[in-house]
Amino acid sequence: EGVTNAVMVLRVDITPFAKQAVQEMSDSFRIEHFKEAELLVDITQHQLVPEHQVLTSNEKSELLKRYRLKETQLPRIQPNDPVARYYGMKRGHVVKIIRPSETAGRYVTYRICM
């Protein structure tokens, strides 16, 4: 009771039958599954992966209001993207990506999980 999220770490890939069962159970709570090999390296610390910050719902609404955007106008990030999976992003979540830039110092972009 009271459990809303669960993480499964598997040695091998999940079977299609098990994946379907997990999806059916995910109506009441969220279950994420990772292969053990996917967790050996922290991808957020890799030099080629820019900094990602998942926005709160208030920050998201401020962003959309500030730039007068609709959600559909934001660039997309897939929910099965490794970084999106790392942060547990769901559809509708927005991530702020901060990249170093030679000309501007840093480049900030936003993506919505679709």
C-alpha atoms as a PDB file:
ATOM      1  CA  GLU A   1       0.000   0.000   0.000  1.00  0.00           C
ATOM      2  CA  GLY A   2       1.123   3.524  -0.739  1.00  0.00           C
ATOM      3  CA  VAL A   3       3.646   2.390  -3.360  1.00  0.00           C
ATOM      4  CA  THR A   4       3.558   4.576  -6.465  1.00  0.00           C
ATOM      5  CA  ASN A   5       6.878   3.679  -8.148  1.00  0.00           C
ATOM      6  CA  ALA A   6       8.952   0.521  -8.512  1.00  0.00           C
ATOM      7  CA  VAL A   7      12.232  -0.279 -10.268  1.00  0.00           C
ATOM      8  CA  MET A   8      13.158  -3.738 -11.548  1.00  0.00           C
ATOM      9  CA  VAL A   9      16.778  -4.541 -12.373  1.00  0.00           C
ATOM     10  CA  LEU A  10      17.119  -7.574 -14.638  1.00  0.00           C
ATOM     11  CA  ARG A  11      20.133  -9.543 -15.809  1.00  0.00           C
ATOM     12  CA  VAL A  12      18.619 -10.139 -19.247  1.00  0.00           C
ATOM     13  CA  ASP A  13      16.047  -8.272 -21.315  1.00  0.00           C
ATOM     14  CA  ILE A  14      12.421  -8.544 -20.247  1.00  0.00           C
ATOM     15  CA  THR A  15      10.281 -10.934 -22.295  1.00  0.00           C
ATOM     16  CA  PRO A  16       7.379  -9.551 -24.348  1.00  0.00           C
ATOM     17  CA  PHE A  17       4.873 -11.402 -22.135  1.00  0.00           C
ATOM     18  CA  ALA A  18       6.410  -9.929 -18.971  1.00  0.00           C
ATOM     19  CA  LYS A  19       6.561  -6.465 -20.566  1.00  0.00           C
ATOM     20  CA  GLN A  20       2.827  -6.669 -21.319  1.00  0.00           C
ATOM     21  CA  ALA A  21       2.099  -7.750 -17.730  1.00  0.00           C
ATOM     22  CA  VAL A  22       4.138  -4.812 -16.396  1.00  0.00           C
ATOM     23  CA  GLN A  23       2.223  -2.389 -18.639  1.00  0.00           C
ATOM     24  CA  GLU A  24      -1.103  -3.778 -17.414  1.00  0.00           C
ATOM     25  CA  MET A  25       0.000  -3.321 -13.791  1.00  0.00           C
ATOM     26  CA  SER A  26       1.230   0.215 -14.448  1.00  0.00           C
ATOM     27  CA  ASP A  27      -2.313   1.624 -14.323  1.00  0.00           C
ATOM     28  CA  SER A  28      -2.167   1.729 -10.529  1.00  0.00           C
ATOM     29  CA  PHE A  29       1.554   2.515 -10.138  1.00  0.00           C
ATOM     30  CA  ARG A  30       4.667   3.023 -12.252  1.00  0.00           C
ATOM     31  CA  ILE A  31       7.125   0.169 -12.822  1.00  0.00           C
ATOM     32  CA  GLU A  32      10.418   0.854 -14.570  1.00  0.00           C
ATOM     33  CA  HIS A  33      12.734  -1.904 -15.704  1.00  0.00           C
ATOM     34  CA  PHE A  34      16.426  -1.729 -16.511  1.00  0.00           C
ATOM     35  CA  LYS A  35      18.958  -4.298 -17.597  1.00  0.00           C
ATOM     36  CA  GLU A  36      21.877  -4.626 -15.201  1.00  0.00           C
ATOM     37  CA  ALA A  37      24.290  -3.592 -17.976  1.00  0.00           C
ATOM     38  CA  GLU A  38      22.422  -0.289 -18.435  1.00  0.00           C
ATOM     39  CA  LEU A  39      23.188   0.687 -14.850  1.00  0.00           C
ATOM     40  CA  LEU A  40      26.930  -0.024 -14.881  1.00  0.00           C
ATOM     41  CA  VAL A  41      27.744   3.474 -16.145  1.00  0.00           C
ATOM     42  CA  ASP A  42      26.181   6.715 -14.906  1.00  0.00           C
ATOM     43  CA  ILE A  43      25.298   8.288 -18.261  1.00  0.00           C
ATOM     44  CA  THR A  44      24.638  11.690 -16.707  1.00  0.00           C
ATOM     45  CA  GLN A  45      28.330  11.950 -15.788  1.00  0.00           C
ATOM     46  CA  HIS A  46      29.609  11.226 -19.322  1.00  0.00           C
ATOM     47  CA  GLN A  47      31.429  14.181 -20.881  1.00  0.00           C
ATOM     48  CA  LEU A  48      29.286  14.112 -24.041  1.00  0.00           C
ATOM     49  CA  VAL A  49      25.953  14.205 -22.170  1.00  0.00           C
ATOM     50  CA  PRO A  50      24.919  17.780 -21.318  1.00  0.00           C
ATOM     51  CA  GLU A  51      23.337  18.727 -18.002  1.00  0.00           C
ATOM     52  CA  HIS A  52      19.618  17.899 -17.774  1.00  0.00           C
ATOM     53  CA  GLN A  53      17.170  19.368 -15.236  1.00  0.00           C
ATOM     54  CA  VAL A  54      13.580  18.126 -15.063  1.00  0.00           C
ATOM     55  CA  LEU A  55      11.229  21.065 -14.496  1.00  0.00           C
ATOM     56  CA  THR A  56       8.435  21.112 -11.936  1.00  0.00           C
ATOM     57  CA  SER A  57       4.883  21.731 -13.138  1.00  0.00           C
ATOM     58  CA  ASN A  58       5.118  25.359 -11.937  1.00  0.00           C
ATOM     59  CA  GLU A  59       8.401  25.890 -13.820  1.00  0.00           C
ATOM     60  CA  LYS A  60       6.847  24.304 -16.905  1.00  0.00           C
ATOM     61  CA  SER A  61       3.834  26.635 -16.858  1.00  0.00           C
ATOM     62  CA  GLU A  62       6.125  29.654 -16.296  1.00  0.00           C
ATOM     63  CA  LEU A  63       8.251  28.585 -19.282  1.00  0.00           C
ATOM     64  CA  LEU A  64       5.230  28.215 -21.570  1.00  0.00           C
ATOM     65  CA  LYS A  65       3.815  31.543 -20.391  1.00  0.00           C
ATOM     66  CA  ARG A  66       7.149  33.386 -20.683  1.00  0.00           C
ATOM     67  CA  TYR A  67       7.772  32.330 -24.278  1.00  0.00           C
ATOM     68  CA  ARG A  68       4.053  32.174 -25.206  1.00  0.00           C
ATOM     69  CA  LEU A  69       4.312  28.561 -26.299  1.00  0.00           C
ATOM     70  CA  LYS A  70       2.046  25.562 -26.437  1.00  0.00           C
ATOM     71  CA  GLU A  71       3.387  22.167 -25.403  1.00  0.00           C
ATOM     72  CA  THR A  72       3.269  21.030 -29.031  1.00  0.00           C
ATOM     73  CA  GLN A  73       5.742  23.769 -30.012  1.00  0.00           C
ATOM     74  CA  LEU A  74       8.551  22.442 -27.804  1.00  0.00           C
ATOM     75  CA  PRO A  75      11.150  20.040 -29.217  1.00  0.00           C
ATOM     76  CA  ARG A  76      10.537  16.465 -28.104  1.00  0.00           C
ATOM     77  CA  ILE A  77      12.418  13.854 -26.136  1.00  0.00           C
ATOM     78  CA  GLN A  78      11.266  10.244 -26.268  1.00  0.00           C
ATOM     79  CA  PRO A  79      10.268   8.535 -22.991  1.00  0.00           C
ATOM     80  CA  ASN A  80      12.631   5.682 -23.897  1.00  0.00           C
ATOM     81  CA  ASP A  81      15.606   8.062 -24.288  1.00  0.00           C
ATOM     82  CA  PRO A  82      18.328   6.895 -21.863  1.00  0.00           C
ATOM     83  CA  VAL A  83      18.435  10.217 -19.992  1.00  0.00           C
ATOM     84  CA  ALA A  84      14.626  10.416 -19.831  1.00  0.00           C
ATOM     85  CA  ARG A  85      14.546   6.897 -18.395  1.00  0.00           C
ATOM     86  CA  TYR A  86      17.305   7.818 -15.916  1.00  0.00           C
ATOM     87  CA  TYR A  87      15.202  10.686 -14.542  1.00  0.00           C
ATOM     88  CA  GLY A  88      11.932   8.725 -14.744  1.00  0.00           C
ATOM     89  CA  MET A  89      10.311  11.209 -17.097  1.00  0.00           C
ATOM     90  CA  LYS A  90       6.701  10.649 -18.101  1.00  0.00           C
ATOM     91  CA  ARG A  91       4.741  12.111 -20.990  1.00  0.00           C
ATOM     92  CA  GLY A  92       4.245  15.828 -20.454  1.00  0.00           C
ATOM     93  CA  HIS A  93       7.385  16.385 -18.363  1.00  0.00           C
ATOM     94  CA  VAL A  94       9.753  19.106 -19.591  1.00  0.00           C
ATOM     95  CA  VAL A  95      13.531  18.936 -19.275  1.00  0.00           C
ATOM     96  CA  LYS A  96      15.953  21.862 -19.425  1.00  0.00           C
ATOM     97  CA  ILE A  97      19.168  20.953 -21.264  1.00  0.00           C
ATOM     98  CA  ILE A  98      22.252  23.106 -20.699  1.00  0.00           C
ATOM     99  CA  ARG A  99      25.075  22.626 -23.215  1.00  0.00           C
ATOM    100  CA  PRO A 100      28.428  24.382 -23.326  1.00  0.00           C
ATOM    101  CA  SER A 101      28.793  26.669 -26.350  1.00  0.00           C
ATOM    102  CA  GLU A 102      31.998  28.101 -27.782  1.00  0.00           C
ATOM    103  CA  THR A 103      30.274  31.272 -28.982  1.00  0.00           C
ATOM    104  CA  ALA A 104      27.639  31.912 -26.303  1.00  0.00           C
ATOM    105  CA  GLY A 105      29.259  30.266 -23.282  1.00  0.00           C
ATOM    106  CA  ARG A 106      26.245  28.053 -22.719  1.00  0.00           C
ATOM    107  CA  TYR A 107      23.189  27.085 -24.742  1.00  0.00           C
ATOM    108  CA  VAL A 108      19.885  26.301 -23.006  1.00  0.00           C
ATOM    109  CA  THR A 109      17.087  24.367 -24.666  1.00  0.00           C
ATOM    110  CA  TYR A 110      13.912  22.716 -23.418  1.00  0.00           C
ATOM    111  CA  ARG A 111      12.348  19.427 -24.490  1.00  0.00           C
ATOM    112  CA  ILE A 112       9.016  17.858 -23.684  1.00  0.00           C
ATOM    113  CA  CYS A 113       8.649  14.128 -23.151  1.00  0.00           C
ATOM    114  CA  MET A 114       6.230  12.763 -25.757  1.00  0.00           C
END
